[in-house]
Amino acid sequence: MKTKHKILIVDDERIVRESLFHWFEDEGYDVETAEDGLSALKIFDKEKYDLVLLDMKMPGMSGIELLIKIKEIDPLCIVILITAYASVPTAIQALKEGAYDYVTKPVDPDELNHLVKNALEQKSLKDENAILKNKIEQMIIPDNLIGESEEMLKIFELINSVAPADTTVMIRGESGTGKELVAKAIHLNSKRKYFPIVTVNCGAIAETLLESEFFGHEKGAFTGANYRRKGKFEMANGGTIFLDEIGSISLKMQVELLRIIETKKFSRVGGNETISSDFRVIAATNEVLEDLVKQGKFREDFILPSKRVFFVYSSTERKKKRYSNSCISFP
């Protein structure tokens, strides 16, 4: 059963209080009334209200003063002011102090009901978003990324330190040490966590298909391209792209990737349109990249460009997947 929204009506005129009480009660709201600011505060201390309809001018405590006190008690409470003396300065002050809106007397019930309905719908959406975000916050670390050793705690510490920044991250370690889990943990702890993390296993895709995989293609760009297809960089807009086994890609593709990472712009294969995408890059490799540089198979500027952070870790047991014997350091 849906919970009724609770409304508090504060007005020193009895006829106004009773009219609004019956109107909103008939509309299905849970309604309470108060004749002045002090009475309203006593009620407000005992109960929580979604919305307050508040007369601007009352004996004793004014509507603005009561608005300020209500916002101190519950910043999320919606307050709509009712006034017979509308003026630009008072309206500006009310909105500045946190009022949702104001209406003038004599009150049009239909107009006020519409305003209240919209305000409460917005509040419900905000509350639902807060609940969803809280649920996501509880999923920050992947279930398989576990460990209490000193080395594992260092990894958690590094994840927490690098995640908020938008820098490119290179994760280096042996096969089976869980590099993808670390990548997901970085993404889930970053400001991009509400957007996707898109994974590309560079070592599992043929070089001839990698460009299309990365950037997408237009219909008819090559044999078999029967429709337009978005690439992984376009799909990662707002989120993170995880390039696994980055050491396996060719020098030509490395040059292309460096340009894309710097500009955040590219074109689909067979297309002329320039596409912009806001993504973060996390890469991983199980190869010793410095050796590949000496062999002329990997660009040095891909390893040590400015503004990039590196994790380096290895496991004493190559097949162990839990990091419990891991070490971590910066190159």
Protein backbone atom coordinates (compact mmCIF):
# COMPACT_ATOMS: atom_id res chain seq x y z
CA MET A 1 0.00 0.00 0.00
CA LYS A 2 1.35 3.42 -1.00
CA THR A 3 2.17 5.69 1.97
CA LYS A 4 0.25 8.98 2.08
CA HIS A 5 2.25 12.18 1.76
CA LYS A 6 2.07 14.26 4.95
CA ILE A 7 1.23 17.97 4.72
CA LEU A 8 1.33 20.59 7.49
CA ILE A 9 -0.75 23.77 7.01
CA VAL A 10 0.30 26.81 9.06
CA ASP A 11 -1.98 29.88 8.93
CA ASP A 12 -3.40 32.18 11.59
CA GLU A 13 -6.75 32.46 9.75
CA ARG A 14 -9.02 29.64 10.83
CA ILE A 15 -11.12 29.68 7.66
CA VAL A 16 -7.99 29.31 5.50
CA ARG A 17 -6.67 26.43 7.64
CA GLU A 18 -9.96 24.54 7.54
CA SER A 19 -10.53 25.10 3.83
CA LEU A 20 -7.06 23.85 2.91
CA PHE A 21 -7.33 20.98 5.41
CA HIS A 22 -10.53 19.62 3.86
CA TRP A 23 -9.31 20.23 0.32
CA PHE A 24 -6.08 18.26 0.69
CA GLU A 25 -7.63 15.59 2.90
CA ASP A 26 -10.16 14.93 0.12
CA GLU A 27 -7.21 14.69 -2.30
CA GLY A 28 -5.83 11.78 -0.25
CA TYR A 29 -3.11 13.49 1.78
CA ASP A 30 -2.42 13.08 5.51
CA VAL A 31 -3.01 16.65 6.75
CA GLU A 32 -2.29 18.50 10.01
CA THR A 33 -2.76 22.20 10.84
CA ALA A 34 -1.18 24.82 13.13
CA GLU A 35 -2.30 28.39 13.92
CA ASP A 36 1.12 29.97 14.38
CA GLY A 37 4.89 29.38 14.18
CA LEU A 38 5.39 28.07 17.72
CA SER A 39 2.55 25.54 17.39
CA ALA A 40 3.95 24.44 14.05
CA LEU A 41 7.43 23.85 15.52
CA LYS A 42 5.98 21.74 18.36
CA ILE A 43 4.18 19.58 15.79
CA PHE A 44 7.21 19.50 13.50
CA ASP A 45 9.45 18.26 16.33
CA LYS A 46 7.21 15.21 16.82
CA GLU A 47 6.36 14.36 13.21
CA LYS A 48 8.10 14.45 9.85
CA TYR A 49 6.26 16.19 7.01
CA ASP A 50 6.84 16.00 3.28
CA LEU A 51 5.45 19.47 2.63
CA VAL A 52 4.47 22.59 4.60
CA LEU A 53 2.02 25.26 3.41
CA LEU A 54 3.05 28.33 5.31
CA ASP A 55 1.43 31.76 5.70
CA MET A 56 3.94 34.55 5.19
CA LYS A 57 2.52 37.02 7.72
CA MET A 58 1.50 35.72 11.17
CA PRO A 59 1.56 37.18 14.69
CA GLY A 60 4.73 36.38 16.59
CA MET A 61 6.99 34.36 14.32
CA SER A 62 6.86 35.34 10.64
CA GLY A 63 6.62 32.87 7.79
CA ILE A 64 10.22 33.54 6.73
CA GLU A 65 11.50 32.92 10.28
CA LEU A 66 9.53 29.67 10.49
CA LEU A 67 10.80 28.64 7.04
CA ILE A 68 14.40 29.03 8.23
CA LYS A 69 13.76 26.93 11.37
CA ILE A 70 11.96 24.20 9.38
CA LYS A 71 14.89 23.98 6.94
CA GLU A 72 17.31 23.66 9.88
CA ILE A 73 15.28 20.72 11.24
CA ASP A 74 14.62 19.03 7.87
CA PRO A 75 16.44 20.46 4.81
CA LEU A 76 14.49 18.08 2.52
CA CYS A 77 11.06 19.30 3.58
CA ILE A 78 9.22 21.22 0.83
CA VAL A 79 7.89 24.62 1.93
CA ILE A 80 5.38 26.63 -0.11
CA LEU A 81 4.60 30.12 1.20
CA ILE A 82 1.15 31.72 1.05
CA THR A 83 0.97 35.50 1.14
CA ALA A 84 -1.55 38.31 0.71
CA TYR A 85 1.28 40.81 0.28
CA ALA A 86 3.30 39.47 -2.65
CA SER A 87 6.33 41.52 -3.64
CA VAL A 88 9.53 40.83 -5.53
CA PRO A 89 11.86 41.34 -2.51
CA THR A 90 9.88 38.98 -0.25
CA ALA A 91 9.64 36.37 -3.00
CA ILE A 92 13.39 36.51 -3.61
CA GLN A 93 14.11 36.25 0.12
CA ALA A 94 11.75 33.26 0.48
CA LEU A 95 13.36 31.39 -2.42
CA LYS A 96 16.81 32.26 -1.11
CA GLU A 97 15.92 30.72 2.27
CA GLY A 98 14.85 27.48 0.60
CA ALA A 99 11.15 27.88 -0.23
CA TYR A 100 9.98 25.76 -3.15
CA ASP A 101 7.56 28.45 -4.37
CA TYR A 102 4.88 30.88 -3.16
CA VAL A 103 1.24 31.63 -3.98
CA THR A 104 -0.93 34.67 -3.30
CA LYS A 105 -4.25 35.00 -1.47
CA PRO A 106 -7.02 34.43 -2.32
CA VAL A 107 -5.69 30.96 -3.07
CA ASP A 108 -6.85 29.14 -6.20
CA PRO A 109 -7.30 25.54 -4.93
CA ASP A 110 -6.67 23.98 -8.35
CA GLU A 111 -3.47 25.98 -8.86
CA LEU A 112 -2.21 25.16 -5.37
CA ASN A 113 -3.08 21.47 -5.73
CA HIS A 114 -1.15 21.32 -9.01
CA LEU A 115 1.86 23.00 -7.39
CA VAL A 116 1.78 20.62 -4.39
CA LYS A 117 1.45 17.56 -6.63
CA ASN A 118 4.44 18.56 -8.77
CA ALA A 119 6.58 19.34 -5.73
CA LEU A 120 5.84 16.00 -4.08
CA GLU A 121 6.47 14.08 -7.31
CA GLN A 122 9.92 15.71 -7.56
CA LYS A 123 10.61 14.84 -3.93
CA SER A 124 9.60 11.21 -4.53
CA LEU A 125 11.99 10.98 -7.50
CA LYS A 126 14.85 12.44 -5.45
CA ASP A 127 14.15 9.98 -2.62
CA GLU A 128 14.11 7.05 -5.07
CA ASN A 129 17.39 8.21 -6.63
CA ALA A 130 18.98 8.47 -3.19
CA ILE A 131 17.91 4.89 -2.39
CA LEU A 132 19.26 3.59 -5.71
CA LYS A 133 22.56 5.42 -5.24
CA ASN A 134 22.85 3.97 -1.74
CA LYS A 135 22.35 0.46 -3.15
CA ILE A 136 25.05 1.09 -5.74
CA GLU A 137 27.39 2.38 -3.02
CA GLN A 138 27.04 -1.00 -1.30
CA MET A 139 28.39 -2.75 -4.42
CA ILE A 140 31.63 -0.76 -4.57
CA ILE A 141 34.12 -3.67 -4.31
CA PRO A 142 33.52 -6.78 -6.47
CA ASP A 143 32.75 -9.86 -4.36
CA ASN A 144 35.82 -11.77 -5.62
CA LEU A 145 38.26 -9.01 -4.65
CA ILE A 146 38.99 -10.10 -1.09
CA GLY A 147 41.91 -10.32 1.30
CA GLU A 148 43.19 -8.97 4.61
CA SER A 149 46.95 -9.24 4.14
CA GLU A 150 49.17 -6.15 4.29
CA GLU A 151 49.75 -6.37 0.52
CA MET A 152 46.01 -6.61 -0.19
CA LEU A 153 45.30 -3.59 2.01
CA LYS A 154 47.87 -1.66 -0.03
CA ILE A 155 45.97 -2.56 -3.19
CA PHE A 156 42.70 -1.34 -1.65
CA GLU A 157 44.45 1.87 -0.60
CA LEU A 158 45.79 2.45 -4.11
CA ILE A 159 42.39 1.74 -5.64
CA ASN A 160 40.82 4.34 -3.37
CA SER A 161 43.52 6.90 -4.13
CA VAL A 162 43.50 6.55 -7.93
CA ALA A 163 39.76 6.00 -8.47
CA PRO A 164 38.54 9.61 -7.93
CA ALA A 165 41.05 11.01 -10.45
CA ASP A 166 40.24 10.76 -14.15
CA THR A 167 43.75 9.68 -15.14
CA THR A 168 44.46 6.67 -17.33
CA VAL A 169 45.50 3.62 -15.29
CA MET A 170 47.76 0.73 -16.36
CA ILE A 171 47.40 -2.48 -14.32
CA ARG A 172 50.30 -4.87 -14.74
CA GLY A 173 50.47 -8.38 -13.36
CA GLU A 174 50.59 -12.07 -14.15
CA SER A 175 47.65 -13.94 -15.66
CA GLY A 176 45.17 -15.02 -13.00
CA THR A 177 45.96 -12.27 -10.49
CA GLY A 178 42.60 -10.56 -11.09
CA LYS A 179 43.53 -7.45 -13.06
CA GLU A 180 39.95 -7.10 -14.32
CA LEU A 181 38.64 -7.17 -10.75
CA VAL A 182 40.96 -4.28 -9.86
CA ALA A 183 39.77 -2.38 -12.95
CA LYS A 184 36.13 -2.84 -11.93
CA ALA A 185 36.91 -1.74 -8.36
CA ILE A 186 38.55 1.45 -9.68
CA HIS A 187 35.54 2.15 -11.89
CA LEU A 188 33.01 1.47 -9.12
CA ASN A 189 34.84 3.86 -6.78
CA SER A 190 35.04 6.64 -9.38
CA LYS A 191 32.63 9.42 -10.33
CA ARG A 192 31.83 7.35 -13.46
CA LYS A 193 30.35 4.45 -11.47
CA TYR A 194 26.78 5.14 -12.65
CA PHE A 195 27.88 4.65 -16.28
CA PRO A 196 29.11 1.42 -17.92
CA ILE A 197 32.55 -0.15 -17.83
CA VAL A 198 33.13 -1.61 -21.31
CA THR A 199 35.72 -4.40 -21.60
CA VAL A 200 37.79 -5.20 -24.69
CA ASN A 201 40.09 -8.23 -24.67
CA CYS A 202 42.64 -6.95 -27.17
CA GLY A 203 44.44 -10.30 -27.34
CA ALA A 204 41.32 -12.20 -28.37
CA ILE A 205 40.41 -10.02 -31.37
CA ALA A 206 42.13 -10.25 -34.75
CA GLU A 207 44.12 -7.14 -35.66
CA THR A 208 42.00 -6.63 -38.80
CA LEU A 209 38.85 -6.41 -36.68
CA LEU A 210 40.26 -4.39 -33.79
CA GLU A 211 39.70 -0.97 -35.38
CA SER A 212 36.03 -1.74 -35.98
CA GLU A 213 35.73 -3.12 -32.45
CA PHE A 214 37.22 0.05 -30.97
CA PHE A 215 35.59 2.71 -33.14
CA GLY A 216 32.59 1.02 -34.80
CA HIS A 217 31.75 1.06 -38.49
CA GLU A 218 29.26 2.44 -40.97
CA LYS A 219 26.97 0.25 -43.08
CA GLY A 220 28.86 -0.98 -46.14
CA ALA A 221 32.30 -0.05 -44.75
CA PHE A 222 33.55 -3.56 -45.59
CA THR A 223 32.22 -6.96 -46.61
CA GLY A 224 29.77 -8.13 -43.98
CA ALA A 225 29.11 -4.63 -42.58
CA ASN A 226 25.37 -4.82 -43.14
CA TYR A 227 24.47 -2.19 -40.55
CA ARG A 228 25.98 0.70 -38.63
CA ARG A 229 27.66 -0.45 -35.42
CA LYS A 230 28.85 1.55 -32.41
CA GLY A 231 32.40 0.87 -31.21
CA LYS A 232 33.50 0.22 -27.67
CA PHE A 233 34.84 3.76 -27.17
CA GLU A 234 31.46 5.20 -28.16
CA MET A 235 29.63 2.74 -25.90
CA ALA A 236 31.85 3.79 -22.98
CA ASN A 237 30.70 7.43 -23.16
CA GLY A 238 30.45 8.73 -19.58
CA GLY A 239 32.04 5.58 -18.19
CA THR A 240 35.22 3.54 -18.47
CA ILE A 241 36.79 1.41 -21.20
CA PHE A 242 38.95 -1.45 -19.97
CA LEU A 243 41.58 -2.54 -22.50
CA ASP A 244 42.75 -5.97 -21.37
CA GLU A 245 46.00 -7.44 -22.78
CA ILE A 246 47.04 -4.07 -24.19
CA GLY A 247 50.52 -5.44 -24.91
CA SER A 248 49.21 -7.53 -27.79
CA ILE A 249 48.15 -4.69 -30.09
CA SER A 250 50.25 -3.51 -33.03
CA LEU A 251 52.38 -0.36 -33.13
CA LYS A 252 49.98 1.18 -35.65
CA MET A 253 47.02 0.65 -33.34
CA GLN A 254 49.03 1.98 -30.38
CA VAL A 255 49.55 5.27 -32.23
CA GLU A 256 45.83 5.44 -33.01
CA LEU A 257 44.89 4.72 -29.40
CA LEU A 258 47.24 7.39 -28.05
CA ARG A 259 45.59 9.95 -30.31
CA ILE A 260 42.08 8.88 -29.27
CA ILE A 261 42.96 8.92 -25.56
CA GLU A 262 44.30 12.46 -25.84
CA THR A 263 41.56 13.96 -28.06
CA LYS A 264 38.53 11.81 -27.08
CA LYS A 265 37.52 12.04 -30.76
CA PHE A 266 37.38 9.42 -33.53
CA SER A 267 35.46 8.33 -36.63
CA ARG A 268 33.76 5.04 -37.36
CA VAL A 269 35.38 2.81 -39.99
CA GLY A 270 34.02 3.93 -43.37
CA GLY A 271 32.58 7.16 -41.95
CA ASN A 272 33.52 10.84 -42.01
CA GLU A 273 31.58 12.00 -38.95
CA THR A 274 33.78 12.97 -35.97
CA ILE A 275 32.43 11.38 -32.80
CA SER A 276 33.23 12.66 -29.31
CA SER A 277 33.11 10.37 -26.32
CA ASP A 278 33.88 11.11 -22.67
CA PHE A 279 35.61 7.98 -21.37
CA ARG A 280 38.30 6.94 -18.93
CA VAL A 281 40.85 4.33 -19.97
CA ILE A 282 42.03 1.50 -17.74
CA ALA A 283 44.47 -0.87 -19.44
CA ALA A 284 46.01 -4.13 -18.29
CA THR A 285 48.76 -6.46 -19.42
CA ASN A 286 50.57 -9.58 -18.22
CA GLU A 287 53.64 -8.76 -20.32
CA VAL A 288 56.79 -6.91 -19.34
CA LEU A 289 56.23 -3.81 -21.45
CA GLU A 290 59.79 -2.56 -21.04
CA ASP A 291 61.03 -5.72 -22.80
CA LEU A 292 58.53 -5.16 -25.63
CA VAL A 293 59.86 -1.59 -25.99
CA LYS A 294 63.42 -2.91 -26.39
CA GLN A 295 62.17 -5.35 -29.01
CA GLY A 296 60.46 -2.51 -30.91
CA LYS A 297 57.00 -3.99 -30.32
CA PHE A 298 55.62 -1.38 -27.94
CA ARG A 299 55.81 2.40 -27.79
CA GLU A 300 57.62 3.85 -24.80
CA ASP A 301 55.30 6.85 -24.70
CA PHE A 302 52.41 4.42 -24.12
CA ILE A 303 54.13 3.20 -20.93
CA LEU A 304 55.22 6.48 -19.41
CA PRO A 305 53.11 9.33 -20.76
CA SER A 306 52.32 12.19 -18.39
CA LYS A 307 49.31 11.99 -16.10
CA ARG A 308 49.17 8.22 -15.97
CA VAL A 309 49.29 5.95 -12.95
CA PHE A 310 50.60 2.40 -12.80
CA PHE A 311 49.89 -0.59 -10.58
CA VAL A 312 52.50 -3.33 -10.64
CA TYR A 313 51.79 -6.56 -8.79
CA SER A 314 52.51 -10.24 -9.09
CA SER A 315 51.59 -13.43 -7.33
CA THR A 316 54.01 -16.00 -5.98
CA GLU A 317 51.56 -18.61 -7.24
CA ARG A 318 50.69 -17.87 -10.86
CA LYS A 319 47.28 -19.51 -10.65
CA LYS A 320 46.29 -17.94 -7.33
CA LYS A 321 43.43 -15.49 -7.90
CA ARG A 322 43.10 -13.81 -4.54
CA TYR A 323 46.16 -11.56 -4.12
CA SER A 324 46.87 -12.88 -0.62
CA ASN A 325 50.59 -13.15 -1.47
CA SER A 326 50.69 -10.09 -3.72
CA CYS A 327 53.02 -7.16 -3.67
CA ILE A 328 52.44 -3.76 -5.18
CA SER A 329 54.70 -0.85 -6.07
CA PHE A 330 55.13 2.06 -8.46
CA PRO A 331 57.73 1.80 -11.24
